[in-house]
Amino acid sequence: MRRDILQFILILIIPVSGLFSQDFHYSQFYNEPLNFNPSLTGIFDGDKRMILSLRDQYRSIPVPYFTFSGNYDMKFLPKTPQKGFFSGGVVFNYDRQGSSALTLFNLNLAGSYTYYINNHNLITGGALLGYSNRGFSEDNLEWDNYWNAIDETWDPRRGSGESFEKYRFSYLETGLGANYRYQHSPRNSITIGASAFHLNKPSQNFSGVTTDQLNMRFSLMGILNVKLAKALDFQGHLLYQAQDVYKETVVGGLVKIRVNNKRGKKLAVHLGLLGRLGEGLAPKFAVEYNEWYVSFNYDVVTKTDLSKYTNYRGGPEVHVRYIIKKVKPFGEFKICPIY
């Protein structure tokens, strides 16, 4: 009995004691480009892009995780032919973890410059700067101090035995990234990028006794697009991330079925599968209609400490994107990478 109670306590207090040292994640990382590499700002087929993303996991056990992101980015194309262009964007993130309600409010500005090596090769460098605020609440927490070992009773009146100097703190967010793209044709391309976040390793603590640094997060990303047939494409994805002792590798692919290619009525369906190595799988389904794109996946855990909880059922993830394309006058020079 006591062992079960202590295990339950550990699940509840983990978000306060350690999880704030790692960042939130998305299985469809390629649908949240600015959160994984600021050099992907403006790298899409169009002029303005808006993305809304939502991830909800662990809802059926006592440590739910909820993440919401909103992005807006656009190109600043020159009026006359140039060797490149600037792009800018803004990113908002809200993340809530566990029974401690460990929350993150994050607002970032991102910028990039893309240089045309030639008509098929582009390189982009980007940077990110923003504001982050973290906090938590004790209201729904249970502590090991509640356990009275003498008479083996559970008594919340004993108090937590913990002392917190503050329940919220803020820090400066920073990031840098670089990206290379080979565009053979609109439907055949390779994208490779690297990025680093939390360059300043900001301090974070609630107790006021010790000061913990937020470790840098490093990311490597690759995306491959291949035309298989007139109405069929393949897209492959690879992401590797490292943040202190935390490592993550995501590998996946999808087929894009072009149901209708008529102008103004373009319709495509995406079917794919993502795998977070050592953790689980995420089947994906998406619909693309003209400039609208809606994507859904459901993470299924295959190997994790949560497997002992029979009511765990994974978590859904949804992405909605809308792209604005302006009509360009004849004679204007422009290269539009298809992301």
C-alpha atoms as a PDB file:
ATOM      1  CA  MET A   1       0.000   0.000   0.000  1.00  0.00           C
ATOM      2  CA  ARG A   2       2.694   2.468   0.993  1.00  0.00           C
ATOM      3  CA  ARG A   3       4.751   1.674  -2.113  1.00  0.00           C
ATOM      4  CA  ASP A   4       1.784   2.387  -4.399  1.00  0.00           C
ATOM      5  CA  ILE A   5       1.158   5.708  -2.660  1.00  0.00           C
ATOM      6  CA  LEU A   6       4.789   6.778  -2.980  1.00  0.00           C
ATOM      7  CA  GLN A   7       4.827   5.879  -6.689  1.00  0.00           C
ATOM      8  CA  PHE A   8       1.714   8.002  -7.167  1.00  0.00           C
ATOM      9  CA  ILE A   9       3.369  10.895  -5.313  1.00  0.00           C
ATOM     10  CA  LEU A  10       6.446  10.700  -7.533  1.00  0.00           C
ATOM     11  CA  ILE A  11       4.290  10.937 -10.645  1.00  0.00           C
ATOM     12  CA  LEU A  12       2.648  14.076  -9.286  1.00  0.00           C
ATOM     13  CA  ILE A  13       5.789  15.924  -8.205  1.00  0.00           C
ATOM     14  CA  ILE A  14       8.033  15.090 -11.182  1.00  0.00           C
ATOM     15  CA  PRO A  15       6.878  18.153 -13.180  1.00  0.00           C
ATOM     16  CA  VAL A  16       8.033  20.471 -10.353  1.00  0.00           C
ATOM     17  CA  SER A  17      11.298  18.762  -9.545  1.00  0.00           C
ATOM     18  CA  GLY A  18      12.748  18.099 -12.981  1.00  0.00           C
ATOM     19  CA  LEU A  19      10.660  18.325 -16.115  1.00  0.00           C
ATOM     20  CA  PHE A  20      11.050  22.084 -16.460  1.00  0.00           C
ATOM     21  CA  SER A  21      14.579  21.329 -17.671  1.00  0.00           C
ATOM     22  CA  GLN A  22      13.349  19.976 -21.010  1.00  0.00           C
ATOM     23  CA  ASP A  23      11.249  21.594 -23.733  1.00  0.00           C
ATOM     24  CA  PHE A  24       7.859  20.606 -25.111  1.00  0.00           C
ATOM     25  CA  HIS A  25       7.758  18.672 -28.360  1.00  0.00           C
ATOM     26  CA  TYR A  26       5.567  17.882 -31.347  1.00  0.00           C
ATOM     27  CA  SER A  27       5.563  14.626 -33.308  1.00  0.00           C
ATOM     28  CA  GLN A  28       4.861  16.594 -36.514  1.00  0.00           C
ATOM     29  CA  PHE A  29       7.857  18.854 -35.944  1.00  0.00           C
ATOM     30  CA  TYR A  30       7.864  19.904 -39.606  1.00  0.00           C
ATOM     31  CA  ASN A  31       4.476  21.576 -39.009  1.00  0.00           C
ATOM     32  CA  GLU A  32       6.013  23.757 -36.270  1.00  0.00           C
ATOM     33  CA  PRO A  33       9.119  24.954 -38.151  1.00  0.00           C
ATOM     34  CA  LEU A  34       9.843  28.145 -36.165  1.00  0.00           C
ATOM     35  CA  ASN A  35       9.860  26.242 -32.867  1.00  0.00           C
ATOM     36  CA  PHE A  36      12.537  23.878 -34.165  1.00  0.00           C
ATOM     37  CA  ASN A  37      14.689  26.109 -36.366  1.00  0.00           C
ATOM     38  CA  PRO A  38      14.386  29.915 -36.782  1.00  0.00           C
ATOM     39  CA  SER A  39      16.092  29.680 -40.189  1.00  0.00           C
ATOM     40  CA  LEU A  40      12.873  28.083 -41.508  1.00  0.00           C
ATOM     41  CA  THR A  41      11.144  31.457 -41.129  1.00  0.00           C
ATOM     42  CA  GLY A  42       9.759  32.357 -44.559  1.00  0.00           C
ATOM     43  CA  ILE A  43      10.679  29.026 -46.142  1.00  0.00           C
ATOM     44  CA  PHE A  44       7.386  28.061 -47.745  1.00  0.00           C
ATOM     45  CA  ASP A  45       5.512  28.466 -51.019  1.00  0.00           C
ATOM     46  CA  GLY A  46       3.726  31.752 -50.502  1.00  0.00           C
ATOM     47  CA  ASP A  47       4.048  35.189 -48.919  1.00  0.00           C
ATOM     48  CA  LYS A  48       2.383  34.882 -45.495  1.00  0.00           C
ATOM     49  CA  ARG A  49       1.824  31.822 -43.336  1.00  0.00           C
ATOM     50  CA  MET A  50      -0.272  31.200 -40.213  1.00  0.00           C
ATOM     51  CA  ILE A  51      -0.073  27.994 -38.145  1.00  0.00           C
ATOM     52  CA  LEU A  52      -2.036  26.822 -35.109  1.00  0.00           C
ATOM     53  CA  SER A  53      -0.917  23.643 -33.318  1.00  0.00           C
ATOM     54  CA  LEU A  54      -2.267  21.689 -30.361  1.00  0.00           C
ATOM     55  CA  ARG A  55      -0.999  18.615 -28.543  1.00  0.00           C
ATOM     56  CA  ASP A  56      -2.794  16.855 -25.677  1.00  0.00           C
ATOM     57  CA  GLN A  57      -1.265  13.797 -23.987  1.00  0.00           C
ATOM     58  CA  TYR A  58      -1.397  11.710 -20.787  1.00  0.00           C
ATOM     59  CA  ARG A  59      -4.984  12.885 -20.251  1.00  0.00           C
ATOM     60  CA  SER A  60      -6.085   9.532 -18.782  1.00  0.00           C
ATOM     61  CA  ILE A  61      -3.478   9.470 -15.983  1.00  0.00           C
ATOM     62  CA  PRO A  62      -2.602  12.077 -13.313  1.00  0.00           C
ATOM     63  CA  VAL A  63       0.035  13.925 -15.372  1.00  0.00           C
ATOM     64  CA  PRO A  64      -1.695  15.533 -18.398  1.00  0.00           C
ATOM     65  CA  TYR A  65       0.409  17.574 -20.818  1.00  0.00           C
ATOM     66  CA  PHE A  66      -1.182  20.258 -22.982  1.00  0.00           C
ATOM     67  CA  THR A  67       0.669  22.359 -25.570  1.00  0.00           C
ATOM     68  CA  PHE A  68      -0.636  25.118 -27.854  1.00  0.00           C
ATOM     69  CA  SER A  69       1.361  27.125 -30.398  1.00  0.00           C
ATOM     70  CA  GLY A  70       0.496  29.958 -32.764  1.00  0.00           C
ATOM     71  CA  ASN A  71       2.826  31.136 -35.552  1.00  0.00           C
ATOM     72  CA  TYR A  72       2.834  33.874 -38.155  1.00  0.00           C
ATOM     73  CA  ASP A  73       5.666  34.517 -40.610  1.00  0.00           C
ATOM     74  CA  MET A  74       6.098  36.287 -43.923  1.00  0.00           C
ATOM     75  CA  LYS A  75       8.645  37.106 -46.615  1.00  0.00           C
ATOM     76  CA  PHE A  76       9.946  40.627 -47.323  1.00  0.00           C
ATOM     77  CA  LEU A  77      10.650  40.297 -51.035  1.00  0.00           C
ATOM     78  CA  PRO A  78      12.595  43.071 -52.812  1.00  0.00           C
ATOM     79  CA  LYS A  79      10.869  45.034 -55.552  1.00  0.00           C
ATOM     80  CA  THR A  80      13.757  44.390 -57.932  1.00  0.00           C
ATOM     81  CA  PRO A  81      15.620  41.109 -58.550  1.00  0.00           C
ATOM     82  CA  GLN A  82      18.072  40.357 -55.739  1.00  0.00           C
ATOM     83  CA  LYS A  83      20.195  37.439 -54.564  1.00  0.00           C
ATOM     84  CA  GLY A  84      17.986  36.792 -51.561  1.00  0.00           C
ATOM     85  CA  PHE A  85      15.232  37.992 -49.242  1.00  0.00           C
ATOM     86  CA  PHE A  86      14.490  38.623 -45.567  1.00  0.00           C
ATOM     87  CA  SER A  87      11.688  36.994 -43.578  1.00  0.00           C
ATOM     88  CA  GLY A  88      10.193  37.649 -40.172  1.00  0.00           C
ATOM     89  CA  GLY A  89       7.753  36.002 -37.826  1.00  0.00           C
ATOM     90  CA  VAL A  90       6.254  35.762 -34.362  1.00  0.00           C
ATOM     91  CA  VAL A  91       5.693  32.621 -32.259  1.00  0.00           C
ATOM     92  CA  PHE A  92       3.489  32.123 -29.193  1.00  0.00           C
ATOM     93  CA  ASN A  93       3.636  28.969 -27.059  1.00  0.00           C
ATOM     94  CA  TYR A  94       1.619  27.826 -24.058  1.00  0.00           C
ATOM     95  CA  ASP A  95       2.520  24.601 -22.299  1.00  0.00           C
ATOM     96  CA  ARG A  96       0.938  23.051 -19.182  1.00  0.00           C
ATOM     97  CA  GLN A  97       2.336  19.952 -17.486  1.00  0.00           C
ATOM     98  CA  GLY A  98       1.086  17.635 -14.777  1.00  0.00           C
ATOM     99  CA  SER A  99      -0.849  18.084 -11.550  1.00  0.00           C
ATOM    100  CA  SER A 100       1.522  20.890 -10.566  1.00  0.00           C
ATOM    101  CA  ALA A 101       0.121  22.940 -13.463  1.00  0.00           C
ATOM    102  CA  LEU A 102       3.689  23.754 -14.480  1.00  0.00           C
ATOM    103  CA  THR A 103       3.047  26.330 -17.208  1.00  0.00           C
ATOM    104  CA  LEU A 104       5.113  28.067 -19.844  1.00  0.00           C
ATOM    105  CA  PHE A 105       4.105  31.306 -21.592  1.00  0.00           C
ATOM    106  CA  ASN A 106       6.470  32.092 -24.429  1.00  0.00           C
ATOM    107  CA  LEU A 107       6.480  34.870 -27.055  1.00  0.00           C
ATOM    108  CA  ASN A 108       9.279  35.002 -29.638  1.00  0.00           C
ATOM    109  CA  LEU A 109      10.305  37.063 -32.653  1.00  0.00           C
ATOM    110  CA  ALA A 110      12.095  35.215 -35.446  1.00  0.00           C
ATOM    111  CA  GLY A 111      13.988  36.514 -38.456  1.00  0.00           C
ATOM    112  CA  SER A 112      15.962  35.006 -41.314  1.00  0.00           C
ATOM    113  CA  TYR A 113      17.817  35.803 -44.524  1.00  0.00           C
ATOM    114  CA  THR A 114      17.742  33.453 -47.505  1.00  0.00           C
ATOM    115  CA  TYR A 115      20.514  33.599 -50.097  1.00  0.00           C
ATOM    116  CA  TYR A 116      20.127  32.158 -53.610  1.00  0.00           C
ATOM    117  CA  ILE A 117      23.300  30.257 -54.493  1.00  0.00           C
ATOM    118  CA  ASN A 118      21.630  29.476 -57.815  1.00  0.00           C
ATOM    119  CA  ASN A 119      18.177  28.495 -59.063  1.00  0.00           C
ATOM    120  CA  HIS A 120      18.320  25.157 -57.241  1.00  0.00           C
ATOM    121  CA  ASN A 121      20.334  25.816 -54.079  1.00  0.00           C
ATOM    122  CA  LEU A 122      19.437  28.098 -51.177  1.00  0.00           C
ATOM    123  CA  ILE A 123      20.956  28.702 -47.752  1.00  0.00           C
ATOM    124  CA  THR A 124      19.216  30.445 -44.871  1.00  0.00           C
ATOM    125  CA  GLY A 125      20.376  31.753 -41.532  1.00  0.00           C
ATOM    126  CA  GLY A 126      17.935  32.680 -38.776  1.00  0.00           C
ATOM    127  CA  ALA A 127      17.728  33.954 -35.210  1.00  0.00           C
ATOM    128  CA  LEU A 128      15.099  34.013 -32.489  1.00  0.00           C
ATOM    129  CA  LEU A 129      14.654  36.290 -29.486  1.00  0.00           C
ATOM    130  CA  GLY A 130      11.813  36.245 -26.988  1.00  0.00           C
ATOM    131  CA  TYR A 131      10.337  36.259 -23.503  1.00  0.00           C
ATOM    132  CA  SER A 132       9.406  33.197 -21.428  1.00  0.00           C
ATOM    133  CA  ASN A 133       7.597  32.862 -18.127  1.00  0.00           C
ATOM    134  CA  ARG A 134       7.275  29.661 -16.064  1.00  0.00           C
ATOM    135  CA  GLY A 135       5.122  28.982 -13.023  1.00  0.00           C
ATOM    136  CA  PHE A 136       3.337  26.294 -11.045  1.00  0.00           C
ATOM    137  CA  SER A 137       0.627  25.782  -8.424  1.00  0.00           C
ATOM    138  CA  GLU A 138       0.593  23.657  -5.241  1.00  0.00           C
ATOM    139  CA  ASP A 139      -3.207  23.372  -5.150  1.00  0.00           C
ATOM    140  CA  ASN A 140      -3.460  19.870  -6.634  1.00  0.00           C
ATOM    141  CA  LEU A 141      -0.152  18.435  -5.402  1.00  0.00           C
ATOM    142  CA  GLU A 142       0.361  15.684  -2.857  1.00  0.00           C
ATOM    143  CA  TRP A 143       3.680  15.303  -0.996  1.00  0.00           C
ATOM    144  CA  ASP A 144       5.569  12.476   0.691  1.00  0.00           C
ATOM    145  CA  ASN A 145       5.352  14.463   3.931  1.00  0.00           C
ATOM    146  CA  TYR A 146       1.633  13.606   4.014  1.00  0.00           C
ATOM    147  CA  TRP A 147       2.577  10.012   4.828  1.00  0.00           C
ATOM    148  CA  ASN A 148       2.736   9.335   8.567  1.00  0.00           C
ATOM    149  CA  ALA A 149       5.122   6.388   8.874  1.00  0.00           C
ATOM    150  CA  ILE A 150       4.355   5.890  12.568  1.00  0.00           C
ATOM    151  CA  ASP A 151       0.692   4.975  12.233  1.00  0.00           C
ATOM    152  CA  GLU A 152       0.823   4.452   8.428  1.00  0.00           C
ATOM    153  CA  THR A 153      -1.847   7.006   7.592  1.00  0.00           C
ATOM    154  CA  TRP A 154      -2.218   9.580   4.831  1.00  0.00           C
ATOM    155  CA  ASP A 155      -2.738  13.041   6.361  1.00  0.00           C
ATOM    156  CA  PRO A 156      -2.666  16.189   4.126  1.00  0.00           C
ATOM    157  CA  ARG A 157      -2.904  18.320   7.298  1.00  0.00           C
ATOM    158  CA  ARG A 158       0.789  17.601   7.923  1.00  0.00           C
ATOM    159  CA  GLY A 159       1.666  20.070   5.139  1.00  0.00           C
ATOM    160  CA  SER A 160       4.114  19.676   2.283  1.00  0.00           C
ATOM    161  CA  GLY A 161       7.226  20.486   4.277  1.00  0.00           C
ATOM    162  CA  GLU A 162       8.452  22.457   1.253  1.00  0.00           C
ATOM    163  CA  SER A 163       9.193  26.156   1.059  1.00  0.00           C
ATOM    164  CA  PHE A 164       9.054  28.082  -2.225  1.00  0.00           C
ATOM    165  CA  GLU A 165      10.370  31.614  -2.576  1.00  0.00           C
ATOM    166  CA  LYS A 166       8.358  32.206  -5.734  1.00  0.00           C
ATOM    167  CA  TYR A 167       5.852  30.478  -7.961  1.00  0.00           C
ATOM    168  CA  ARG A 168       6.778  32.180 -11.254  1.00  0.00           C
ATOM    169  CA  PHE A 169       9.972  33.383 -12.948  1.00  0.00           C
ATOM    170  CA  SER A 170      10.858  34.887 -16.347  1.00  0.00           C
ATOM    171  CA  TYR A 171      13.844  34.590 -18.641  1.00  0.00           C
ATOM    172  CA  LEU A 172      15.138  35.653 -22.058  1.00  0.00           C
ATOM    173  CA  GLU A 173      14.694  33.153 -24.896  1.00  0.00           C
ATOM    174  CA  THR A 174      17.335  32.902 -27.625  1.00  0.00           C
ATOM    175  CA  GLY A 175      17.950  30.737 -30.673  1.00  0.00           C
ATOM    176  CA  LEU A 176      20.046  30.428 -33.835  1.00  0.00           C
ATOM    177  CA  GLY A 177      19.666  28.215 -36.886  1.00  0.00           C
ATOM    178  CA  ALA A 178      20.974  27.449 -40.359  1.00  0.00           C
ATOM    179  CA  ASN A 179      19.281  25.680 -43.234  1.00  0.00           C
ATOM    180  CA  TYR A 180      20.267  24.363 -46.674  1.00  0.00           C
ATOM    181  CA  ARG A 181      17.758  23.521 -49.386  1.00  0.00           C
ATOM    182  CA  TYR A 182      18.205  21.829 -52.729  1.00  0.00           C
ATOM    183  CA  GLN A 183      15.175  22.416 -54.959  1.00  0.00           C
ATOM    184  CA  HIS A 184      15.388  20.351 -58.127  1.00  0.00           C
ATOM    185  CA  SER A 185      11.745  21.017 -59.008  1.00  0.00           C
ATOM    186  CA  PRO A 186       8.570  22.058 -57.142  1.00  0.00           C
ATOM    187  CA  ARG A 187       7.990  18.445 -56.046  1.00  0.00           C
ATOM    188  CA  ASN A 188      11.575  17.241 -55.587  1.00  0.00           C
ATOM    189  CA  SER A 189      13.716  18.759 -52.830  1.00  0.00           C
ATOM    190  CA  ILE A 190      15.957  18.142 -49.837  1.00  0.00           C
ATOM    191  CA  THR A 191      16.046  20.324 -46.709  1.00  0.00           C
ATOM    192  CA  ILE A 192      18.733  19.992 -44.020  1.00  0.00           C
ATOM    193  CA  GLY A 193      18.965  22.249 -40.983  1.00  0.00           C
ATOM    194  CA  ALA A 194      20.564  22.655 -37.555  1.00  0.00           C
ATOM    195  CA  SER A 195      19.619  24.911 -34.654  1.00  0.00           C
ATOM    196  CA  ALA A 196      20.342  25.699 -31.008  1.00  0.00           C
ATOM    197  CA  PHE A 197      18.056  27.249 -28.370  1.00  0.00           C
ATOM    198  CA  HIS A 198      18.587  28.690 -24.845  1.00  0.00           C
ATOM    199  CA  LEU A 199      21.991  30.004 -25.902  1.00  0.00           C
ATOM    200  CA  ASN A 200      22.232  32.097 -22.728  1.00  0.00           C
ATOM    201  CA  LYS A 201      21.380  29.108 -20.478  1.00  0.00           C
ATOM    202  CA  PRO A 202      18.951  31.151 -18.365  1.00  0.00           C
ATOM    203  CA  SER A 203      18.681  30.376 -14.653  1.00  0.00           C
ATOM    204  CA  GLN A 204      15.414  28.983 -13.304  1.00  0.00           C
ATOM    205  CA  ASN A 205      14.358  28.026  -9.810  1.00  0.00           C
ATOM    206  CA  PHE A 206      11.416  28.262  -7.436  1.00  0.00           C
ATOM    207  CA  SER A 207      13.086  27.666  -4.084  1.00  0.00           C
ATOM    208  CA  GLY A 208      15.570  30.550  -4.061  1.00  0.00           C
ATOM    209  CA  VAL A 209      18.136  28.155  -2.579  1.00  0.00           C
ATOM    210  CA  THR A 210      19.660  26.639  -5.702  1.00  0.00           C
ATOM    211  CA  THR A 211      19.928  28.017  -9.223  1.00  0.00           C
ATOM    212  CA  ASP A 212      19.395  25.615 -12.112  1.00  0.00           C
ATOM    213  CA  GLN A 213      20.241  26.508 -15.683  1.00  0.00           C
ATOM    214  CA  LEU A 214      18.003  25.710 -18.614  1.00  0.00           C
ATOM    215  CA  ASN A 215      20.234  23.583 -20.795  1.00  0.00           C
ATOM    216  CA  MET A 216      20.752  24.362 -24.459  1.00  0.00           C
ATOM    217  CA  ARG A 217      18.656  22.369 -26.907  1.00  0.00           C
ATOM    218  CA  PHE A 218      20.299  21.256 -30.153  1.00  0.00           C
ATOM    219  CA  SER A 219      18.288  20.078 -33.168  1.00  0.00           C
ATOM    220  CA  LEU A 220      19.149  18.447 -36.496  1.00  0.00           C
ATOM    221  CA  MET A 221      16.376  18.177 -39.075  1.00  0.00           C
ATOM    222  CA  GLY A 222      16.006  16.689 -42.530  1.00  0.00           C
ATOM    223  CA  ILE A 223      13.054  16.651 -44.973  1.00  0.00           C
ATOM    224  CA  LEU A 224      12.956  14.856 -48.324  1.00  0.00           C
ATOM    225  CA  ASN A 225      10.318  15.414 -51.025  1.00  0.00           C
ATOM    226  CA  VAL A 226      10.122  13.053 -54.011  1.00  0.00           C
ATOM    227  CA  LYS A 227       7.638  12.917 -56.881  1.00  0.00           C
ATOM    228  CA  LEU A 228       6.635   9.276 -57.381  1.00  0.00           C
ATOM    229  CA  ALA A 229       3.917   9.679 -60.004  1.00  0.00           C
ATOM    230  CA  LYS A 230       1.690  12.341 -61.542  1.00  0.00           C
ATOM    231  CA  ALA A 231      -0.648  12.275 -58.540  1.00  0.00           C
ATOM    232  CA  LEU A 232       1.607  10.814 -55.858  1.00  0.00           C
ATOM    233  CA  ASP A 233       4.480  12.249 -53.778  1.00  0.00           C
ATOM    234  CA  PHE A 234       6.557  10.930 -50.889  1.00  0.00           C
ATOM    235  CA  GLN A 235       7.876  13.023 -48.006  1.00  0.00           C
ATOM    236  CA  GLY A 236      10.371  11.713 -45.453  1.00  0.00           C
ATOM    237  CA  HIS A 237      11.160  13.335 -42.070  1.00  0.00           C
ATOM    238  CA  LEU A 238      14.014  13.065 -39.602  1.00  0.00           C
ATOM    239  CA  LEU A 239      14.588  14.964 -36.357  1.00  0.00           C
ATOM    240  CA  TYR A 240      17.248  14.505 -33.687  1.00  0.00           C
ATOM    241  CA  GLN A 241      17.230  16.625 -30.548  1.00  0.00           C
ATOM    242  CA  ALA A 242      19.489  16.706 -27.501  1.00  0.00           C
ATOM    243  CA  GLN A 243      19.034  18.684 -24.295  1.00  0.00           C
ATOM    244  CA  ASP A 244      21.389  17.631 -21.505  1.00  0.00           C
ATOM    245  CA  VAL A 245      20.623  13.944 -20.830  1.00  0.00           C
ATOM    246  CA  TYR A 246      17.370  14.034 -22.827  1.00  0.00           C
ATOM    247  CA  LYS A 247      17.597  12.700 -26.371  1.00  0.00           C
ATOM    248  CA  GLU A 248      14.853  12.413 -28.985  1.00  0.00           C
ATOM    249  CA  THR A 249      14.828  10.911 -32.470  1.00  0.00           C
ATOM    250  CA  VAL A 250      11.756  11.136 -34.679  1.00  0.00           C
ATOM    251  CA  VAL A 251      11.633   9.325 -38.038  1.00  0.00           C
ATOM    252  CA  GLY A 252       8.646   9.273 -40.359  1.00  0.00           C
ATOM    253  CA  GLY A 253       7.215   9.471 -43.810  1.00  0.00           C
ATOM    254  CA  LEU A 254       4.002  10.097 -45.682  1.00  0.00           C
ATOM    255  CA  VAL A 255       2.483   9.768 -49.114  1.00  0.00           C
ATOM    256  CA  LYS A 256       0.686  12.731 -50.620  1.00  0.00           C
ATOM    257  CA  ILE A 257      -2.192  11.737 -52.903  1.00  0.00           C
ATOM    258  CA  ARG A 258      -3.136  14.570 -55.265  1.00  0.00           C
ATOM    259  CA  VAL A 259      -6.871  14.067 -55.725  1.00  0.00           C
ATOM    260  CA  ASN A 260      -7.422  17.245 -57.775  1.00  0.00           C
ATOM    261  CA  ASN A 261      -4.783  19.506 -59.343  1.00  0.00           C
ATOM    262  CA  LYS A 262      -7.153  22.024 -60.966  1.00  0.00           C
ATOM    263  CA  ARG A 263      -6.431  25.650 -60.142  1.00  0.00           C
ATOM    264  CA  GLY A 264      -8.666  26.903 -57.325  1.00  0.00           C
ATOM    265  CA  LYS A 265      -9.797  23.353 -56.506  1.00  0.00           C
ATOM    266  CA  LYS A 266      -6.531  21.703 -55.501  1.00  0.00           C
ATOM    267  CA  LEU A 267      -7.108  18.833 -53.110  1.00  0.00           C
ATOM    268  CA  ALA A 268      -4.601  16.401 -51.609  1.00  0.00           C
ATOM    269  CA  VAL A 269      -4.697  13.765 -48.884  1.00  0.00           C
ATOM    270  CA  HIS A 270      -1.680  12.828 -46.749  1.00  0.00           C
ATOM    271  CA  LEU A 271      -1.262   9.415 -45.096  1.00  0.00           C
ATOM    272  CA  GLY A 272       1.790   8.779 -42.957  1.00  0.00           C
ATOM    273  CA  LEU A 273       3.460   7.279 -39.919  1.00  0.00           C
ATOM    274  CA  LEU A 274       5.854   8.863 -37.431  1.00  0.00           C
ATOM    275  CA  GLY A 275       8.016   7.022 -34.931  1.00  0.00           C
ATOM    276  CA  ARG A 276       9.688   8.393 -31.809  1.00  0.00           C
ATOM    277  CA  LEU A 277      12.453   5.840 -31.379  1.00  0.00           C
ATOM    278  CA  GLY A 278      12.200   3.882 -28.155  1.00  0.00           C
ATOM    279  CA  GLU A 279       8.870   5.485 -27.224  1.00  0.00           C
ATOM    280  CA  GLY A 280       6.040   5.067 -29.702  1.00  0.00           C
ATOM    281  CA  LEU A 281       4.341   5.503 -33.058  1.00  0.00           C
ATOM    282  CA  ALA A 282       2.026   8.182 -34.447  1.00  0.00           C
ATOM    283  CA  PRO A 283      -0.207   7.487 -37.476  1.00  0.00           C
ATOM    284  CA  LYS A 284      -0.949  10.684 -39.418  1.00  0.00           C
ATOM    285  CA  PHE A 285      -3.762  11.919 -41.647  1.00  0.00           C
ATOM    286  CA  ALA A 286      -3.946  15.335 -43.355  1.00  0.00           C
ATOM    287  CA  VAL A 287      -6.069  17.162 -45.901  1.00  0.00           C
ATOM    288  CA  GLU A 288      -4.792  20.022 -48.069  1.00  0.00           C
ATOM    289  CA  TYR A 289      -7.288  22.177 -49.970  1.00  0.00           C
ATOM    290  CA  ASN A 290      -5.845  25.131 -51.908  1.00  0.00           C
ATOM    291  CA  GLU A 291      -4.086  27.232 -49.233  1.00  0.00           C
ATOM    292  CA  TRP A 292      -5.662  25.398 -46.260  1.00  0.00           C
ATOM    293  CA  TYR A 293      -3.996  22.468 -44.530  1.00  0.00           C
ATOM    294  CA  VAL A 294      -5.305  20.414 -41.561  1.00  0.00           C
ATOM    295  CA  SER A 295      -3.282  17.571 -40.083  1.00  0.00           C
ATOM    296  CA  PHE A 296      -3.947  15.071 -37.297  1.00  0.00           C
ATOM    297  CA  ASN A 297      -1.901  12.355 -35.615  1.00  0.00           C
ATOM    298  CA  TYR A 298      -2.366  10.195 -32.545  1.00  0.00           C
ATOM    299  CA  ASP A 299       0.644   9.107 -30.500  1.00  0.00           C
ATOM    300  CA  VAL A 300       0.563   5.481 -29.342  1.00  0.00           C
ATOM    301  CA  VAL A 301       3.113   4.540 -26.674  1.00  0.00           C
ATOM    302  CA  THR A 302       4.906   1.253 -27.357  1.00  0.00           C
ATOM    303  CA  LYS A 303       7.714   1.314 -24.798  1.00  0.00           C
ATOM    304  CA  THR A 304       7.601   3.536 -21.735  1.00  0.00           C
ATOM    305  CA  ASP A 305       7.266   3.475 -17.955  1.00  0.00           C
ATOM    306  CA  LEU A 306       3.631   4.452 -18.510  1.00  0.00           C
ATOM    307  CA  SER A 307       2.872   1.045 -20.021  1.00  0.00           C
ATOM    308  CA  LYS A 308       1.864  -0.281 -16.590  1.00  0.00           C
ATOM    309  CA  TYR A 309      -1.092   2.111 -16.564  1.00  0.00           C
ATOM    310  CA  THR A 310      -3.733   0.187 -18.518  1.00  0.00           C
ATOM    311  CA  ASN A 311      -5.897   3.275 -19.025  1.00  0.00           C
ATOM    312  CA  TYR A 312      -3.174   5.194 -20.864  1.00  0.00           C
ATOM    313  CA  ARG A 313      -4.291   5.842 -24.439  1.00  0.00           C
ATOM    314  CA  GLY A 314      -1.688   8.162 -25.921  1.00  0.00           C
ATOM    315  CA  GLY A 315      -2.498  11.630 -27.157  1.00  0.00           C
ATOM    316  CA  PRO A 316      -3.760  13.570 -30.202  1.00  0.00           C
ATOM    317  CA  GLU A 317      -1.954  16.337 -32.076  1.00  0.00           C
ATOM    318  CA  VAL A 318      -3.577  18.777 -34.524  1.00  0.00           C
ATOM    319  CA  HIS A 319      -2.080  21.366 -36.901  1.00  0.00           C
ATOM    320  CA  VAL A 320      -3.944  23.943 -38.992  1.00  0.00           C
ATOM    321  CA  ARG A 321      -2.133  26.073 -41.560  1.00  0.00           C
ATOM    322  CA  TYR A 322      -3.195  28.812 -43.963  1.00  0.00           C
ATOM    323  CA  ILE A 323      -0.920  30.404 -46.583  1.00  0.00           C
ATOM    324  CA  ILE A 324      -1.530  33.680 -48.425  1.00  0.00           C
ATOM    325  CA  LYS A 325      -0.116  33.994 -51.922  1.00  0.00           C
ATOM    326  CA  LYS A 326      -0.067  37.383 -53.590  1.00  0.00           C
ATOM    327  CA  VAL A 327      -0.425  37.754 -57.353  1.00  0.00           C
ATOM    328  CA  LYS A 328       2.932  38.868 -58.766  1.00  0.00           C
ATOM    329  CA  PRO A 329       3.325  41.136 -61.821  1.00  0.00           C
ATOM    330  CA  PHE A 330       4.972  39.714 -64.936  1.00  0.00           C
ATOM    331  CA  GLY A 331       8.724  40.022 -65.037  1.00  0.00           C
ATOM    332  CA  GLU A 332       9.312  39.909 -61.312  1.00  0.00           C
ATOM    333  CA  PHE A 333      12.084  37.541 -60.267  1.00  0.00           C
ATOM    334  CA  LYS A 334      11.115  35.206 -57.448  1.00  0.00           C
ATOM    335  CA  ILE A 335      11.974  31.775 -56.171  1.00  0.00           C
ATOM    336  CA  CYS A 336       9.392  30.159 -53.862  1.00  0.00           C
ATOM    337  CA  PRO A 337      10.709  27.177 -51.929  1.00  0.00           C
ATOM    338  CA  ILE A 338       8.008  24.565 -51.457  1.00  0.00           C
ATOM    339  CA  TYR A 339       8.148  23.541 -47.803  1.00  0.00           C
END
